[in-house]
N, C-alpha and C. Protein backbone atom coordinates (compact mmCIF):
# COMPACT_ATOMS: atom_id res chain seq x y z
N MET A 1 80.95 106.43 61.36
CA MET A 1 80.09 106.59 62.56
C MET A 1 79.01 106.97 61.68
N GLU A 2 77.82 106.37 62.90
CA GLU A 2 76.39 106.74 61.90
C GLU A 2 76.09 107.36 63.11
N ARG A 3 75.01 108.45 63.02
CA ARG A 3 74.12 109.11 63.79
C ARG A 3 73.42 108.37 64.37
N ASP A 4 73.11 108.49 65.73
CA ASP A 4 72.17 107.79 66.52
C ASP A 4 70.82 108.41 65.95
N LEU A 5 69.96 107.87 65.23
CA LEU A 5 68.55 108.34 64.52
C LEU A 5 67.65 107.86 65.46
N ASP A 6 67.86 107.08 66.61
CA ASP A 6 66.58 106.78 67.48
C ASP A 6 66.28 108.25 68.43
N TRP A 7 67.32 108.94 68.92
CA TRP A 7 67.28 110.05 69.72
C TRP A 7 67.82 111.31 68.68
N PRO A 8 67.05 111.99 68.06
CA PRO A 8 67.72 112.95 67.36
C PRO A 8 68.04 114.30 67.82
N GLU A 9 68.08 114.28 68.96
CA GLU A 9 68.48 115.50 69.68
C GLU A 9 69.50 115.32 70.42
N ALA A 10 69.97 114.10 70.43
CA ALA A 10 71.55 113.72 70.93
C ALA A 10 72.54 114.01 69.71
N ASP A 11 73.76 114.60 70.35
CA ASP A 11 74.69 114.81 69.46
C ASP A 11 75.54 113.35 69.41
N THR A 12 75.28 112.45 69.71
CA THR A 12 75.88 111.55 69.82
C THR A 12 76.12 110.48 68.45
N TYR A 13 77.01 109.17 68.50
CA TYR A 13 77.17 108.83 67.50
C TYR A 13 77.49 107.17 67.90
N LEU A 14 77.29 106.56 66.93
CA LEU A 14 77.62 105.06 67.61
C LEU A 14 78.86 104.85 67.10
N LEU A 15 79.81 103.99 68.04
CA LEU A 15 81.31 103.75 67.73
C LEU A 15 81.25 102.09 68.04
N PRO A 16 82.21 101.56 67.23
CA PRO A 16 82.22 100.16 67.62
C PRO A 16 82.89 99.97 68.92
N ALA A 17 82.69 99.00 69.82
CA ALA A 17 83.13 98.81 70.80
C ALA A 17 84.32 99.16 70.95
N SER A 18 85.58 98.50 70.43
CA SER A 18 86.76 99.23 70.47
C SER A 18 87.00 100.57 70.67
N GLU A 19 86.68 101.33 69.46
CA GLU A 19 86.63 102.52 69.17
C GLU A 19 85.98 103.29 70.47
N ALA A 20 84.80 103.17 70.88
CA ALA A 20 84.26 103.63 72.29
C ALA A 20 85.21 103.53 73.30
N MET A 21 85.64 102.39 73.22
CA MET A 21 86.49 102.20 74.39
C MET A 21 88.03 102.81 74.29
N LEU A 22 88.85 103.17 73.19
CA LEU A 22 89.30 103.95 73.17
C LEU A 22 89.20 105.70 73.55
N ALA A 23 87.86 105.84 72.91
CA ALA A 23 87.68 107.45 73.59
C ALA A 23 87.43 107.61 74.50
N ALA A 24 87.11 106.46 75.39
CA ALA A 24 86.85 106.68 76.81
C ALA A 24 88.28 106.75 77.60
N ALA A 25 88.82 106.34 76.94
CA ALA A 25 90.59 105.82 77.95
C ALA A 25 91.05 107.21 77.29
N LEU A 26 91.15 107.81 76.34
CA LEU A 26 91.52 109.13 76.07
C LEU A 26 90.88 109.99 76.90
N ALA A 27 89.55 110.09 77.13
CA ALA A 27 89.30 110.96 77.97
C ALA A 27 89.39 111.29 79.54
N LEU A 28 89.41 109.80 79.65
CA LEU A 28 90.11 110.17 81.31
C LEU A 28 91.47 110.42 81.08
N MET A 29 92.60 110.07 80.35
CA MET A 29 93.62 110.52 80.18
C MET A 29 94.00 112.15 80.19
N THR A 30 92.90 112.58 79.33
CA THR A 30 93.00 114.07 79.53
C THR A 30 92.19 114.53 80.97
N GLY A 31 91.51 113.73 81.64
CA GLY A 31 91.17 114.20 82.95
C GLY A 31 92.49 113.90 84.05
N HIS A 32 93.05 113.00 83.81
CA HIS A 32 94.27 112.53 84.65
C HIS A 32 95.33 114.07 84.59
N ALA A 33 95.64 114.19 82.96
CA ALA A 33 96.58 115.16 82.68
C ALA A 33 95.89 116.30 83.24
N GLN A 34 94.88 116.52 83.89
CA GLN A 34 94.37 118.31 84.32
C GLN A 34 94.19 118.22 85.48
N SER A 35 94.01 117.00 86.34
CA SER A 35 93.92 116.77 87.67
C SER A 35 95.30 117.14 88.73
N ALA A 36 94.99 118.01 89.15
CA ALA A 36 96.04 118.35 90.24
C ALA A 36 96.03 117.68 91.60
N CYS A 37 95.21 116.72 91.56
CA CYS A 37 94.71 116.04 93.18
C CYS A 37 95.06 114.60 92.90
N GLU A 38 96.08 114.17 93.72
CA GLU A 38 96.77 112.80 93.40
C GLU A 38 95.90 111.85 93.69
N ARG A 39 95.03 112.39 94.61
CA ARG A 39 93.71 110.77 94.75
C ARG A 39 93.14 110.59 93.34
N GLN A 40 92.77 111.48 93.09
CA GLN A 40 91.86 111.54 91.65
C GLN A 40 92.99 111.00 90.60
N ARG A 41 94.06 111.64 90.54
CA ARG A 41 94.98 111.11 89.45
C ARG A 41 95.22 109.41 89.64
N ALA A 42 95.20 108.95 90.75
CA ALA A 42 95.45 107.82 91.09
C ALA A 42 94.27 106.74 91.08
N ALA A 43 92.77 107.66 91.23
CA ALA A 43 91.63 106.59 90.86
C ALA A 43 91.59 106.45 89.39
N LEU A 44 91.94 107.97 88.43
CA LEU A 44 91.90 107.77 87.09
C LEU A 44 92.67 106.85 86.53
N ALA A 45 94.01 106.77 87.16
CA ALA A 45 95.22 106.02 86.33
C ALA A 45 94.43 104.54 86.56
N HIS A 46 94.21 104.17 87.69
CA HIS A 46 93.43 103.20 87.67
C HIS A 46 92.10 102.30 87.07
N LYS A 47 91.42 103.24 86.85
CA LYS A 47 90.40 103.32 85.91
C LYS A 47 90.81 102.99 84.51
N ILE A 48 91.88 103.89 84.11
CA ILE A 48 92.58 103.90 82.55
C ILE A 48 93.26 102.43 82.55
N GLY A 49 93.65 102.11 83.45
CA GLY A 49 94.63 100.79 83.25
C GLY A 49 93.40 99.59 82.94
N ALA A 50 92.20 99.71 83.62
CA ALA A 50 91.50 98.79 83.64
C ALA A 50 90.83 98.82 82.52
N LEU A 51 90.39 99.96 81.48
CA LEU A 51 90.16 100.08 80.39
C LEU A 51 90.95 99.52 79.32
N LEU A 52 92.04 99.65 79.70
CA LEU A 52 93.23 99.62 78.61
C LEU A 52 93.39 98.13 78.49
N LEU A 53 93.12 97.21 79.73
CA LEU A 53 93.34 95.95 79.85
C LEU A 53 91.90 95.52 79.09
N ALA A 54 90.94 95.86 79.15
CA ALA A 54 89.57 95.58 78.56
C ALA A 54 89.95 95.50 76.86
N LEU A 55 90.30 96.49 76.38
CA LEU A 55 90.44 97.13 74.72
C LEU A 55 91.81 95.86 74.49
N THR A 56 92.58 95.10 75.45
CA THR A 56 93.74 94.03 74.84
C THR A 56 92.55 92.86 74.61
N GLU A 57 91.39 92.91 75.24
CA GLU A 57 90.66 91.85 74.97
C GLU A 57 89.85 91.85 73.59
N GLN A 58 89.78 92.99 72.91
CA GLN A 58 89.25 93.12 71.77
C GLN A 58 89.30 92.42 70.37
N SER A 59 88.99 91.61 69.86
CA SER A 59 89.52 90.79 68.86
C SER A 59 89.27 91.65 67.18
N SER A 60 88.75 93.04 67.48
CA SER A 60 88.78 93.79 66.41
C SER A 60 89.83 94.57 66.22
N LEU A 61 90.87 94.32 67.39
CA LEU A 61 92.06 95.37 66.90
C LEU A 61 92.80 94.18 66.52
N SER A 62 94.19 94.80 65.36
CA SER A 62 95.26 93.67 65.28
C SER A 62 95.76 93.51 66.12
N ALA A 63 96.78 92.15 66.36
CA ALA A 63 97.69 91.84 67.26
C ALA A 63 98.77 92.74 68.08
N SER A 64 99.42 93.58 66.70
CA SER A 64 100.03 94.58 67.20
C SER A 64 99.35 95.92 68.15
N MET A 65 98.14 95.91 67.83
CA MET A 65 97.96 97.18 68.57
C MET A 65 97.54 96.73 69.73
N ARG A 66 96.83 95.46 69.97
CA ARG A 66 96.76 94.87 71.48
C ARG A 66 97.87 94.72 72.01
N ALA A 67 98.61 94.53 71.55
CA ALA A 67 100.19 94.28 72.02
C ALA A 67 100.62 95.91 72.80
N MET A 68 100.27 96.64 72.24
CA MET A 68 101.16 98.29 72.23
C MET A 68 100.07 98.59 73.49
N VAL A 69 98.23 98.15 73.20
CA VAL A 69 97.54 98.44 74.62
C VAL A 69 97.95 97.91 75.74
N TRP A 70 98.53 96.78 75.40
CA TRP A 70 99.10 95.62 77.00
C TRP A 70 100.00 96.52 77.67
N ARG A 71 101.01 97.19 76.80
CA ARG A 71 102.26 97.77 77.60
C ARG A 71 101.95 99.22 78.15
N LEU A 72 100.88 99.80 77.48
CA LEU A 72 100.29 100.97 77.66
C LEU A 72 99.51 100.45 79.23
N HIS A 73 98.72 99.62 79.59
CA HIS A 73 98.19 99.12 80.26
C HIS A 73 99.40 99.20 81.47
N ALA A 74 99.84 98.23 81.53
CA ALA A 74 101.17 97.75 82.01
C ALA A 74 101.79 99.35 83.18
N HIS A 75 101.95 100.21 81.85
CA HIS A 75 102.24 101.31 82.79
C HIS A 75 101.31 102.17 83.34
N TRP A 76 99.99 102.06 83.13
CA TRP A 76 99.24 102.88 83.83
C TRP A 76 98.66 102.26 85.14
N GLN A 77 98.80 101.09 85.30
CA GLN A 77 98.38 100.12 86.36
C GLN A 77 99.43 100.38 87.29
N ALA A 78 100.96 100.82 86.59
CA ALA A 78 101.75 100.83 87.66
C ALA A 78 102.01 102.36 88.17
N LEU A 79 101.03 103.46 87.63
CA LEU A 79 100.88 104.67 88.02
C LEU A 79 100.81 104.89 89.47
N PRO A 80 99.39 104.06 90.02
CA PRO A 80 98.94 104.34 91.19
C PRO A 80 99.65 103.93 92.47
N LYS A 81 100.52 102.83 92.26
CA LYS A 81 101.42 102.58 93.06
C LYS A 81 102.81 103.30 93.66
N ALA A 82 102.94 104.12 92.10
CA ALA A 82 104.25 104.88 92.40
C ALA A 82 104.21 106.05 93.78
N PRO A 83 105.12 106.05 94.40
CA PRO A 83 104.89 106.99 95.23
C PRO A 83 105.37 108.64 94.82
N ALA A 84 104.17 109.56 95.27
CA ALA A 84 104.35 110.80 94.61
C ALA A 84 105.17 111.68 95.80
N ARG A 85 106.25 112.79 95.32
CA ARG A 85 106.76 113.49 96.36
C ARG A 85 105.97 114.24 97.10
N GLN A 86 105.07 115.32 96.51
CA GLN A 86 104.19 116.08 96.87
C GLN A 86 103.16 115.99 95.52
N ALA A 87 102.15 116.50 96.62
CA ALA A 87 100.85 116.58 95.67
C ALA A 87 99.76 118.08 96.18
N LEU A 88 99.21 118.66 95.18
CA LEU A 88 98.04 119.23 95.69
C LEU A 88 96.77 118.53 95.91
N VAL A 89 96.35 118.80 97.32
CA VAL A 89 95.37 117.55 97.58
C VAL A 89 93.77 118.80 97.45
N CYS A 90 92.95 118.33 96.37
CA CYS A 90 91.79 119.05 95.93
C CYS A 90 90.83 119.15 97.23
N PRO A 91 89.81 120.10 97.16
CA PRO A 91 88.91 119.99 97.96
C PRO A 91 87.93 118.89 98.06
N PRO A 92 87.56 118.17 97.16
CA PRO A 92 86.87 116.79 97.56
C PRO A 92 87.37 115.90 98.35
N CYS A 93 88.65 115.92 98.56
CA CYS A 93 89.67 114.87 99.12
C CYS A 93 90.28 115.61 100.33
N ALA A 94 90.32 116.76 100.52
CA ALA A 94 90.38 117.25 101.90
C ALA A 94 89.90 118.84 102.43
N PRO A 95 88.94 118.61 103.19
CA PRO A 95 87.97 119.83 103.61
C PRO A 95 89.11 120.97 104.04
N GLY A 96 88.66 122.08 103.99
CA GLY A 96 89.31 123.00 104.15
C GLY A 96 90.70 123.35 103.11
N TRP A 97 90.73 122.91 102.11
CA TRP A 97 91.75 123.03 101.46
C TRP A 97 92.30 124.18 101.10
N SER A 98 93.20 124.94 100.68
CA SER A 98 93.42 126.35 100.51
C SER A 98 94.59 126.30 99.49
N GLY A 99 94.96 125.38 98.86
CA GLY A 99 96.06 125.15 97.50
C GLY A 99 97.42 125.11 98.26
N GLN A 100 97.44 124.45 99.13
CA GLN A 100 98.93 124.10 99.40
C GLN A 100 99.17 122.89 98.93
N THR A 101 100.50 122.72 98.74
CA THR A 101 100.84 121.50 98.62
C THR A 101 101.34 120.73 99.87
N VAL A 102 100.92 119.58 99.84
CA VAL A 102 101.25 118.92 101.32
C VAL A 102 101.94 117.26 100.95
N ALA A 103 102.74 116.88 101.47
CA ALA A 103 103.39 115.55 101.33
C ALA A 103 102.25 114.53 101.16
N ALA A 104 101.81 113.72 99.93
CA ALA A 104 101.13 112.53 99.41
C ALA A 104 100.74 111.78 100.15
N GLY A 105 99.74 111.51 100.79
CA GLY A 105 99.56 110.00 101.68
C GLY A 105 99.44 110.42 103.17
N LEU A 106 99.55 111.97 103.22
CA LEU A 106 99.10 112.07 105.03
C LEU A 106 97.63 112.24 105.09
N GLN A 107 96.86 112.46 104.21
CA GLN A 107 95.55 113.13 104.28
C GLN A 107 94.57 111.68 104.56
């Protein structure tokens, strides 16, 4: 990794595109795991699937890595379509939220 010398105050590093995309996918996956809101989780799963699809097109990845990422993409793309039994609805998704569980899709 190289330090970004054009902006010395920033704590950033230059990554190859495929590594930056993988880092972004991992960050989104962390957000998905930590979110209790079904709507946020569905949106994150969709973004993760799209990012993984873009990763499958990276020529810097080996063929076996691209195949593995393709399988992950299929998994993440299916998640927003899977019905949830119950979900917490977070404040941005439901005004007046008090932490109660509600059946998904009623909001």
